[in-house]
Amino acid sequence: MSTAYESIMQGLNEALDHAEGKDAGARLHTIEVPVVDVAAIRARTGLSQSAFARSIGVAKGTLLNWEHGRRQPTGPAQVLLAMIARRPSLVSELLR
């Protein structure tokens, strides 16, 4: 039975090997978040640009940039928008 220290060190060494391109035997999990059509998602919620931006915690200018294709949402914003695309009532349900 290994100690917590040995287990952590093993994990760190495997991470370093993986970062250097060596086969560390690590399992990689890739999650693909779909590209989202922000304007269409907002339209399905029935909210104005200002209200929708407030409801997801972004500035209206950010929302406008997404809707006009000048920028693309990434990270948590992209995940949240993908969730709203599947269930447009999600934000209003959760923020009641």
PDB file of N, CA and C in Angstrom:
ATOM      1  N   MET A   1       0.852  -1.176   0.000  1.00  0.00           N
ATOM      2  CA  MET A   1       0.000   0.000   0.000  1.00  0.00           C
ATOM      3  C   MET A   1       0.895   1.236   0.000  1.00  0.00           C
ATOM      4  N   SER A   2       0.625   2.161  -0.913  1.00  0.00           N
ATOM      5  CA  SER A   2       1.462   3.349  -0.996  1.00  0.00           C
ATOM      6  C   SER A   2       0.911   4.453  -0.102  1.00  0.00           C
ATOM      7  N   THR A   3       1.803   5.344   0.253  1.00  0.00           N
ATOM      8  CA  THR A   3       1.391   6.485   1.067  1.00  0.00           C
ATOM      9  C   THR A   3       0.758   7.537   0.164  1.00  0.00           C
ATOM     10  N   ALA A   4       0.099   8.500   0.785  1.00  0.00           N
ATOM     11  CA  ALA A   4      -0.504   9.587   0.012  1.00  0.00           C
ATOM     12  C   ALA A   4       0.581  10.326  -0.761  1.00  0.00           C
ATOM     13  N   TYR A   5       1.726  10.524  -0.145  1.00  0.00           N
ATOM     14  CA  TYR A   5       2.846  11.212  -0.804  1.00  0.00           C
ATOM     15  C   TYR A   5       3.272  10.464  -2.061  1.00  0.00           C
ATOM     16  N   GLU A   6       3.429   9.137  -1.936  1.00  0.00           N
ATOM     17  CA  GLU A   6       3.859   8.334  -3.089  1.00  0.00           C
ATOM     18  C   GLU A   6       2.811   8.384  -4.210  1.00  0.00           C
ATOM     19  N   SER A   7       1.561   8.352  -3.839  1.00  0.00           N
ATOM     20  CA  SER A   7       0.493   8.415  -4.829  1.00  0.00           C
ATOM     21  C   SER A   7       0.490   9.754  -5.561  1.00  0.00           C
ATOM     22  N   ILE A   8       0.669  10.823  -4.799  1.00  0.00           N
ATOM     23  CA  ILE A   8       0.714  12.158  -5.409  1.00  0.00           C
ATOM     24  C   ILE A   8       1.927  12.292  -6.319  1.00  0.00           C
ATOM     25  N   MET A   9       3.070  11.815  -5.855  1.00  0.00           N
ATOM     26  CA  MET A   9       4.289  11.888  -6.673  1.00  0.00           C
ATOM     27  C   MET A   9       4.139  11.087  -7.962  1.00  0.00           C
ATOM     28  N   GLN A  10       3.514   9.929  -7.867  1.00  0.00           N
ATOM     29  CA  GLN A  10       3.292   9.114  -9.063  1.00  0.00           C
ATOM     30  C   GLN A  10       2.426   9.888 -10.056  1.00  0.00           C
ATOM     31  N   GLY A  11       1.355  10.508  -9.555  1.00  0.00           N
ATOM     32  CA  GLY A  11       0.486  11.295 -10.422  1.00  0.00           C
ATOM     33  C   GLY A  11       1.211  12.460 -11.061  1.00  0.00           C
ATOM     34  N   LEU A  12       2.041  13.142 -10.277  1.00  0.00           N
ATOM     35  CA  LEU A  12       2.813  14.274 -10.822  1.00  0.00           C
ATOM     36  C   LEU A  12       3.801  13.807 -11.884  1.00  0.00           C
ATOM     37  N   ASN A  13       4.473  12.689 -11.637  1.00  0.00           N
ATOM     38  CA  ASN A  13       5.420  12.168 -12.627  1.00  0.00           C
ATOM     39  C   ASN A  13       4.709  11.749 -13.910  1.00  0.00           C
ATOM     40  N   GLU A  14       3.520  11.152 -13.767  1.00  0.00           N
ATOM     41  CA  GLU A  14       2.740  10.789 -14.958  1.00  0.00           C
ATOM     42  C   GLU A  14       2.314  12.042 -15.723  1.00  0.00           C
ATOM     43  N   ALA A  15       1.935  13.091 -15.001  1.00  0.00           N
ATOM     44  CA  ALA A  15       1.540  14.340 -15.659  1.00  0.00           C
ATOM     45  C   ALA A  15       2.725  14.945 -16.403  1.00  0.00           C
ATOM     46  N   LEU A  16       3.902  14.924 -15.789  1.00  0.00           N
ATOM     47  CA  LEU A  16       5.100  15.455 -16.454  1.00  0.00           C
ATOM     48  C   LEU A  16       5.430  14.642 -17.697  1.00  0.00           C
ATOM     49  N   ASP A  17       5.360  13.314 -17.588  1.00  0.00           N
ATOM     50  CA  ASP A  17       5.613  12.464 -18.751  1.00  0.00           C
ATOM     51  C   ASP A  17       4.638  12.789 -19.872  1.00  0.00           C
ATOM     52  N   HIS A  18       3.364  12.936 -19.524  1.00  0.00           N
ATOM     53  CA  HIS A  18       2.354  13.256 -20.533  1.00  0.00           C
ATOM     54  C   HIS A  18       2.650  14.602 -21.178  1.00  0.00           C
ATOM     55  N   ALA A  19       3.017  15.600 -20.376  1.00  0.00           N
ATOM     56  CA  ALA A  19       3.315  16.932 -20.910  1.00  0.00           C
ATOM     57  C   ALA A  19       4.508  16.905 -21.851  1.00  0.00           C
ATOM     58  N   GLU A  20       5.424  15.971 -21.632  1.00  0.00           N
ATOM     59  CA  GLU A  20       6.610  15.845 -22.498  1.00  0.00           C
ATOM     60  C   GLU A  20       6.349  14.933 -23.689  1.00  0.00           C
ATOM     61  N   GLY A  21       5.109  14.462 -23.831  1.00  0.00           N
ATOM     62  CA  GLY A  21       4.756  13.637 -24.977  1.00  0.00           C
ATOM     63  C   GLY A  21       5.054  12.163 -24.800  1.00  0.00           C
ATOM     64  N   LYS A  22       5.453  11.760 -23.602  1.00  0.00           N
ATOM     65  CA  LYS A  22       5.736  10.347 -23.343  1.00  0.00           C
ATOM     66  C   LYS A  22       4.438   9.621 -23.033  1.00  0.00           C
ATOM     67  N   ASP A  23       4.426   8.322 -23.321  1.00  0.00           N
ATOM     68  CA  ASP A  23       3.252   7.516 -23.004  1.00  0.00           C
ATOM     69  C   ASP A  23       3.252   7.237 -21.514  1.00  0.00           C
ATOM     70  N   ALA A  24       2.389   7.904 -20.803  1.00  0.00           N
ATOM     71  CA  ALA A  24       2.321   7.760 -19.344  1.00  0.00           C
ATOM     72  C   ALA A  24       1.198   6.824 -18.941  1.00  0.00           C
ATOM     73  N   GLY A  25       0.469   6.307 -19.906  1.00  0.00           N
ATOM     74  CA  GLY A  25      -0.646   5.427 -19.597  1.00  0.00           C
ATOM     75  C   GLY A  25      -1.851   6.169 -19.034  1.00  0.00           C
ATOM     76  N   ALA A  26      -1.836   7.469 -19.185  1.00  0.00           N
ATOM     77  CA  ALA A  26      -2.935   8.278 -18.651  1.00  0.00           C
ATOM     78  C   ALA A  26      -4.150   8.171 -19.564  1.00  0.00           C
ATOM     79  N   ARG A  27      -5.328   8.271 -18.953  1.00  0.00           N
ATOM     80  CA  ARG A  27      -6.563   8.310 -19.723  1.00  0.00           C
ATOM     81  C   ARG A  27      -6.909   9.759 -20.000  1.00  0.00           C
ATOM     82  N   LEU A  28      -7.136  10.077 -21.239  1.00  0.00           N
ATOM     83  CA  LEU A  28      -7.505  11.435 -21.620  1.00  0.00           C
ATOM     84  C   LEU A  28      -8.995  11.491 -21.884  1.00  0.00           C
ATOM     85  N   HIS A  29      -9.614  12.505 -21.339  1.00  0.00           N
ATOM     86  CA  HIS A  29     -11.042  12.707 -21.543  1.00  0.00           C
ATOM     87  C   HIS A  29     -11.209  13.998 -22.330  1.00  0.00           C
ATOM     88  N   THR A  30     -11.815  13.896 -23.485  1.00  0.00           N
ATOM     89  CA  THR A  30     -12.056  15.056 -24.317  1.00  0.00           C
ATOM     90  C   THR A  30     -13.550  15.320 -24.353  1.00  0.00           C
ATOM     91  N   ILE A  31     -13.893  16.546 -24.015  1.00  0.00           N
ATOM     92  CA  ILE A  31     -15.298  16.932 -24.040  1.00  0.00           C
ATOM     93  C   ILE A  31     -15.442  18.019 -25.091  1.00  0.00           C
ATOM     94  N   GLU A  32     -16.302  17.773 -26.041  1.00  0.00           N
ATOM     95  CA  GLU A  32     -16.518  18.752 -27.092  1.00  0.00           C
ATOM     96  C   GLU A  32     -17.812  19.506 -26.815  1.00  0.00           C
ATOM     97  N   VAL A  33     -17.671  20.803 -26.660  1.00  0.00           N
ATOM     98  CA  VAL A  33     -18.835  21.654 -26.454  1.00  0.00           C
ATOM     99  C   VAL A  33     -19.208  22.210 -27.821  1.00  0.00           C
ATOM    100  N   PRO A  34     -20.463  22.084 -28.207  1.00  0.00           N
ATOM    101  CA  PRO A  34     -20.852  22.541 -29.546  1.00  0.00           C
ATOM    102  C   PRO A  34     -20.699  24.053 -29.708  1.00  0.00           C
ATOM    103  N   VAL A  35     -20.423  24.453 -30.935  1.00  0.00           N
ATOM    104  CA  VAL A  35     -20.430  25.870 -31.268  1.00  0.00           C
ATOM    105  C   VAL A  35     -21.879  26.337 -31.147  1.00  0.00           C
ATOM    106  N   VAL A  36     -22.072  27.515 -30.585  1.00  0.00           N
ATOM    107  CA  VAL A  36     -23.430  27.967 -30.318  1.00  0.00           C
ATOM    108  C   VAL A  36     -23.778  29.200 -31.144  1.00  0.00           C
ATOM    109  N   ASP A  37     -25.041  29.300 -31.520  1.00  0.00           N
ATOM    110  CA  ASP A  37     -25.582  30.471 -32.205  1.00  0.00           C
ATOM    111  C   ASP A  37     -26.256  31.318 -31.138  1.00  0.00           C
ATOM    112  N   VAL A  38     -25.524  32.291 -30.615  1.00  0.00           N
ATOM    113  CA  VAL A  38     -25.983  33.053 -29.462  1.00  0.00           C
ATOM    114  C   VAL A  38     -27.279  33.805 -29.754  1.00  0.00           C
ATOM    115  N   ALA A  39     -27.382  34.409 -30.913  1.00  0.00           N
ATOM    116  CA  ALA A  39     -28.593  35.166 -31.251  1.00  0.00           C
ATOM    117  C   ALA A  39     -29.819  34.252 -31.269  1.00  0.00           C
ATOM    118  N   ALA A  40     -29.668  33.065 -31.847  1.00  0.00           N
ATOM    119  CA  ALA A  40     -30.789  32.123 -31.909  1.00  0.00           C
ATOM    120  C   ALA A  40     -31.162  31.624 -30.516  1.00  0.00           C
ATOM    121  N   ILE A  41     -30.158  31.384 -29.690  1.00  0.00           N
ATOM    122  CA  ILE A  41     -30.424  30.921 -28.320  1.00  0.00           C
ATOM    123  C   ILE A  41     -31.184  31.990 -27.552  1.00  0.00           C
ATOM    124  N   ARG A  42     -30.709  33.234 -27.641  1.00  0.00           N
ATOM    125  CA  ARG A  42     -31.383  34.329 -26.935  1.00  0.00           C
ATOM    126  C   ARG A  42     -32.812  34.484 -27.431  1.00  0.00           C
ATOM    127  N   ALA A  43     -33.008  34.406 -28.746  1.00  0.00           N
ATOM    128  CA  ALA A  43     -34.342  34.564 -29.326  1.00  0.00           C
ATOM    129  C   ALA A  43     -35.301  33.502 -28.776  1.00  0.00           C
ATOM    130  N   ARG A  44     -34.781  32.284 -28.606  1.00  0.00           N
ATOM    131  CA  ARG A  44     -35.635  31.203 -28.085  1.00  0.00           C
ATOM    132  C   ARG A  44     -36.037  31.431 -26.639  1.00  0.00           C
ATOM    133  N   THR A  45     -35.249  32.225 -25.900  1.00  0.00           N
ATOM    134  CA  THR A  45     -35.615  32.516 -24.507  1.00  0.00           C
ATOM    135  C   THR A  45     -36.672  33.602 -24.430  1.00  0.00           C
ATOM    136  N   GLY A  46     -36.800  34.392 -25.505  1.00  0.00           N
ATOM    137  CA  GLY A  46     -37.760  35.490 -25.506  1.00  0.00           C
ATOM    138  C   GLY A  46     -37.275  36.728 -24.763  1.00  0.00           C
ATOM    139  N   LEU A  47     -36.011  36.744 -24.369  1.00  0.00           N
ATOM    140  CA  LEU A  47     -35.467  37.877 -23.621  1.00  0.00           C
ATOM    141  C   LEU A  47     -34.828  38.901 -24.544  1.00  0.00           C
ATOM    142  N   SER A  48     -34.838  40.151 -24.103  1.00  0.00           N
ATOM    143  CA  SER A  48     -34.119  41.203 -24.835  1.00  0.00           C
ATOM    144  C   SER A  48     -32.618  40.968 -24.652  1.00  0.00           C
ATOM    145  N   GLN A  49     -31.818  41.657 -25.452  1.00  0.00           N
ATOM    146  CA  GLN A  49     -30.364  41.517 -25.308  1.00  0.00           C
ATOM    147  C   GLN A  49     -29.919  41.900 -23.903  1.00  0.00           C
ATOM    148  N   SER A  50     -30.429  43.006 -23.385  1.00  0.00           N
ATOM    149  CA  SER A  50     -30.039  43.455 -22.038  1.00  0.00           C
ATOM    150  C   SER A  50     -30.424  42.432 -20.984  1.00  0.00           C
ATOM    151  N   ALA A  51     -31.657  41.951 -21.056  1.00  0.00           N
ATOM    152  CA  ALA A  51     -32.142  40.994 -20.053  1.00  0.00           C
ATOM    153  C   ALA A  51     -31.369  39.672 -20.133  1.00  0.00           C
ATOM    154  N   PHE A  52     -31.113  39.207 -21.357  1.00  0.00           N
ATOM    155  CA  PHE A  52     -30.390  37.944 -21.518  1.00  0.00           C
ATOM    156  C   PHE A  52     -28.962  38.080 -21.001  1.00  0.00           C
ATOM    157  N   ALA A  53     -28.303  39.189 -21.353  1.00  0.00           N
ATOM    158  CA  ALA A  53     -26.929  39.414 -20.886  1.00  0.00           C
ATOM    159  C   ALA A  53     -26.889  39.405 -19.356  1.00  0.00           C
ATOM    160  N   ARG A  54     -27.823  40.115 -18.733  1.00  0.00           N
ATOM    161  CA  ARG A  54     -27.881  40.130 -17.262  1.00  0.00           C
ATOM    162  C   ARG A  54     -28.109  38.732 -16.704  1.00  0.00           C
ATOM    163  N   SER A  55     -28.985  37.977 -17.345  1.00  0.00           N
ATOM    164  CA  SER A  55     -29.356  36.660 -16.821  1.00  0.00           C
ATOM    165  C   SER A  55     -28.200  35.667 -16.848  1.00  0.00           C
ATOM    166  N   ILE A  56     -27.254  35.858 -17.766  1.00  0.00           N
ATOM    167  CA  ILE A  56     -26.112  34.932 -17.822  1.00  0.00           C
ATOM    168  C   ILE A  56     -24.837  35.576 -17.285  1.00  0.00           C
ATOM    169  N   GLY A  57     -24.959  36.805 -16.778  1.00  0.00           N
ATOM    170  CA  GLY A  57     -23.831  37.437 -16.101  1.00  0.00           C
ATOM    171  C   GLY A  57     -22.741  37.979 -16.997  1.00  0.00           C
ATOM    172  N   VAL A  58     -23.120  38.472 -18.184  1.00  0.00           N
ATOM    173  CA  VAL A  58     -22.130  39.101 -19.070  1.00  0.00           C
ATOM    174  C   VAL A  58     -22.584  40.512 -19.423  1.00  0.00           C
ATOM    175  N   ALA A  59     -21.648  41.316 -19.853  1.00  0.00           N
ATOM    176  CA  ALA A  59     -21.977  42.664 -20.298  1.00  0.00           C
ATOM    177  C   ALA A  59     -22.751  42.597 -21.610  1.00  0.00           C
ATOM    178  N   LYS A  60     -23.628  43.573 -21.821  1.00  0.00           N
ATOM    179  CA  LYS A  60     -24.403  43.606 -23.058  1.00  0.00           C
ATOM    180  C   LYS A  60     -23.470  43.686 -24.263  1.00  0.00           C
ATOM    181  N   GLY A  61     -22.380  44.431 -24.141  1.00  0.00           N
ATOM    182  CA  GLY A  61     -21.412  44.531 -25.238  1.00  0.00           C
ATOM    183  C   GLY A  61     -20.811  43.180 -25.599  1.00  0.00           C
ATOM    184  N   THR A  62     -20.559  42.361 -24.602  1.00  0.00           N
ATOM    185  CA  THR A  62     -20.038  41.007 -24.848  1.00  0.00           C
ATOM    186  C   THR A  62     -21.054  40.199 -25.633  1.00  0.00           C
ATOM    187  N   LEU A  63     -22.307  40.274 -25.192  1.00  0.00           N
ATOM    188  CA  LEU A  63     -23.377  39.562 -25.898  1.00  0.00           C
ATOM    189  C   LEU A  63     -23.480  40.033 -27.344  1.00  0.00           C
ATOM    190  N   LEU A  64     -23.427  41.345 -27.559  1.00  0.00           N
ATOM    191  CA  LEU A  64     -23.505  41.881 -28.928  1.00  0.00           C
ATOM    192  C   LEU A  64     -22.356  41.360 -29.783  1.00  0.00           C
ATOM    193  N   ASN A  65     -21.154  41.316 -29.220  1.00  0.00           N
ATOM    194  CA  ASN A  65     -20.010  40.788 -29.974  1.00  0.00           C
ATOM    195  C   ASN A  65     -20.223  39.332 -30.347  1.00  0.00           C
ATOM    196  N   TRP A  66     -20.805  38.555 -29.445  1.00  0.00           N
ATOM    197  CA  TRP A  66     -21.091  37.153 -29.753  1.00  0.00           C
ATOM    198  C   TRP A  66     -22.148  37.052 -30.837  1.00  0.00           C
ATOM    199  N   GLU A  67     -23.214  37.825 -30.697  1.00  0.00           N
ATOM    200  CA  GLU A  67     -24.316  37.731 -31.654  1.00  0.00           C
ATOM    201  C   GLU A  67     -23.901  38.180 -33.053  1.00  0.00           C
ATOM    202  N   HIS A  68     -22.996  39.132 -33.145  1.00  0.00           N
ATOM    203  CA  HIS A  68     -22.564  39.634 -34.454  1.00  0.00           C
ATOM    204  C   HIS A  68     -21.342  38.900 -34.991  1.00  0.00           C
ATOM    205  N   GLY A  69     -20.887  37.884 -34.273  1.00  0.00           N
ATOM    206  CA  GLY A  69     -19.787  37.057 -34.755  1.00  0.00           C
ATOM    207  C   GLY A  69     -18.406  37.675 -34.621  1.00  0.00           C
ATOM    208  N   ARG A  70     -18.301  38.784 -33.915  1.00  0.00           N
ATOM    209  CA  ARG A  70     -16.979  39.402 -33.731  1.00  0.00           C
ATOM    210  C   ARG A  70     -16.128  38.618 -32.737  1.00  0.00           C
ATOM    211  N   ARG A  71     -16.804  37.921 -31.836  1.00  0.00           N
ATOM    212  CA  ARG A  71     -16.129  37.080 -30.845  1.00  0.00           C
ATOM    213  C   ARG A  71     -16.975  35.832 -30.649  1.00  0.00           C
ATOM    214  N   GLN A  72     -16.361  34.822 -30.056  1.00  0.00           N
ATOM    215  CA  GLN A  72     -17.068  33.574 -29.749  1.00  0.00           C
ATOM    216  C   GLN A  72     -16.994  33.311 -28.248  1.00  0.00           C
ATOM    217  N   PRO A  73     -18.088  32.880 -27.645  1.00  0.00           N
ATOM    218  CA  PRO A  73     -18.022  32.523 -26.231  1.00  0.00           C
ATOM    219  C   PRO A  73     -17.103  31.314 -26.051  1.00  0.00           C
ATOM    220  N   THR A  74     -16.392  31.290 -24.947  1.00  0.00           N
ATOM    221  CA  THR A  74     -15.497  30.170 -24.649  1.00  0.00           C
ATOM    222  C   THR A  74     -15.706  29.731 -23.214  1.00  0.00           C
ATOM    223  N   GLY A  75     -15.133  28.611 -22.882  1.00  0.00           N
ATOM    224  CA  GLY A  75     -15.129  28.119 -21.509  1.00  0.00           C
ATOM    225  C   GLY A  75     -16.524  27.991 -20.921  1.00  0.00           C
ATOM    226  N   PRO A  76     -16.681  28.453 -19.666  1.00  0.00           N
ATOM    227  CA  PRO A  76     -17.962  28.306 -18.978  1.00  0.00           C
ATOM    228  C   PRO A  76     -19.125  28.973 -19.714  1.00  0.00           C
ATOM    229  N   ALA A  77     -18.867  30.099 -20.370  1.00  0.00           N
ATOM    230  CA  ALA A  77     -19.943  30.775 -21.105  1.00  0.00           C
ATOM    231  C   ALA A  77     -20.446  29.895 -22.247  1.00  0.00           C
ATOM    232  N   GLN A  78     -19.537  29.245 -22.935  1.00  0.00           N
ATOM    233  CA  GLN A  78     -19.930  28.375 -24.045  1.00  0.00           C
ATOM    234  C   GLN A  78     -20.738  27.180 -23.537  1.00  0.00           C
ATOM    235  N   VAL A  79     -20.330  26.637 -22.403  1.00  0.00           N
ATOM    236  CA  VAL A  79     -21.058  25.508 -21.825  1.00  0.00           C
ATOM    237  C   VAL A  79     -22.454  25.954 -21.397  1.00  0.00           C
ATOM    238  N   LEU A  80     -22.532  27.088 -20.705  1.00  0.00           N
ATOM    239  CA  LEU A  80     -23.835  27.598 -20.263  1.00  0.00           C
ATOM    240  C   LEU A  80     -24.759  27.835 -21.452  1.00  0.00           C
ATOM    241  N   LEU A  81     -24.245  28.452 -22.498  1.00  0.00           N
ATOM    242  CA  LEU A  81     -25.062  28.725 -23.681  1.00  0.00           C
ATOM    243  C   LEU A  81     -25.515  27.428 -24.362  1.00  0.00           C
ATOM    244  N   ALA A  82     -24.650  26.428 -24.384  1.00  0.00           N
ATOM    245  CA  ALA A  82     -25.032  25.136 -24.969  1.00  0.00           C
ATOM    246  C   ALA A  82     -26.156  24.500 -24.149  1.00  0.00           C
ATOM    247  N   MET A  83     -26.107  24.673 -22.827  1.00  0.00           N
ATOM    248  CA  MET A  83     -27.165  24.146 -21.965  1.00  0.00           C
ATOM    249  C   MET A  83     -28.473  24.894 -22.216  1.00  0.00           C
ATOM    250  N   ILE A  84     -28.392  26.218 -22.344  1.00  0.00           N
ATOM    251  CA  ILE A  84     -29.593  27.017 -22.602  1.00  0.00           C
ATOM    252  C   ILE A  84     -30.167  26.681 -23.976  1.00  0.00           C
ATOM    253  N   ALA A  85     -29.299  26.366 -24.938  1.00  0.00           N
ATOM    254  CA  ALA A  85     -29.772  25.991 -26.274  1.00  0.00           C
ATOM    255  C   ALA A  85     -30.653  24.739 -26.192  1.00  0.00           C
ATOM    256  N   ARG A  86     -30.288  23.819 -25.308  1.00  0.00           N
ATOM    257  CA  ARG A  86     -31.081  22.591 -25.158  1.00  0.00           C
ATOM    258  C   ARG A  86     -32.337  22.818 -24.337  1.00  0.00           C
ATOM    259  N   ARG A  87     -32.252  23.788 -23.399  1.00  0.00           N
ATOM    260  CA  ARG A  87     -33.391  24.051 -22.515  1.00  0.00           C
ATOM    261  C   ARG A  87     -33.476  25.555 -22.258  1.00  0.00           C
ATOM    262  N   PRO A  88     -34.133  26.291 -23.149  1.00  0.00           N
ATOM    263  CA  PRO A  88     -34.177  27.753 -23.070  1.00  0.00           C
ATOM    264  C   PRO A  88     -34.720  28.307 -21.750  1.00  0.00           C
ATOM    265  N   SER A  89     -35.512  27.553 -21.042  1.00  0.00           N
ATOM    266  CA  SER A  89     -36.077  28.043 -19.782  1.00  0.00           C
ATOM    267  C   SER A  89     -35.125  27.853 -18.602  1.00  0.00           C
ATOM    268  N   LEU A  90     -33.956  27.285 -18.836  1.00  0.00           N
ATOM    269  CA  LEU A  90     -33.032  26.928 -17.764  1.00  0.00           C
ATOM    270  C   LEU A  90     -32.687  28.102 -16.853  1.00  0.00           C
ATOM    271  N   VAL A  91     -32.292  29.226 -17.416  1.00  0.00           N
ATOM    272  CA  VAL A  91     -31.878  30.364 -16.596  1.00  0.00           C
ATOM    273  C   VAL A  91     -33.029  30.863 -15.740  1.00  0.00           C
ATOM    274  N   SER A  92     -34.191  31.045 -16.343  1.00  0.00           N
ATOM    275  CA  SER A  92     -35.316  31.546 -15.561  1.00  0.00           C
ATOM    276  C   SER A  92     -35.740  30.565 -14.479  1.00  0.00           C
ATOM    277  N   GLU A  93     -35.648  29.271 -14.767  1.00  0.00           N
ATOM    278  CA  GLU A  93     -35.985  28.254 -13.757  1.00  0.00           C
ATOM    279  C   GLU A  93     -35.039  28.320 -12.576  1.00  0.00           C
ATOM    280  N   LEU A  94     -33.766  28.486 -12.862  1.00  0.00           N
ATOM    281  CA  LEU A  94     -32.766  28.461 -11.796  1.00  0.00           C
ATOM    282  C   LEU A  94     -32.687  29.752 -11.013  1.00  0.00           C
ATOM    283  N   LEU A  95     -33.068  30.871 -11.626  1.00  0.00           N
ATOM    284  CA  LEU A  95     -32.942  32.168 -10.965  1.00  0.00           C
ATOM    285  C   LEU A  95     -34.246  32.644 -10.335  1.00  0.00           C
ATOM    286  N   ARG A  96     -35.257  31.830 -10.323  1.00  0.00           N
ATOM    287  CA  ARG A  96     -36.538  32.208  -9.700  1.00  0.00           C
ATOM    288  C   ARG A  96     -36.388  32.446  -8.244  1.00  0.00           C
TER     289      ARG A  96
END
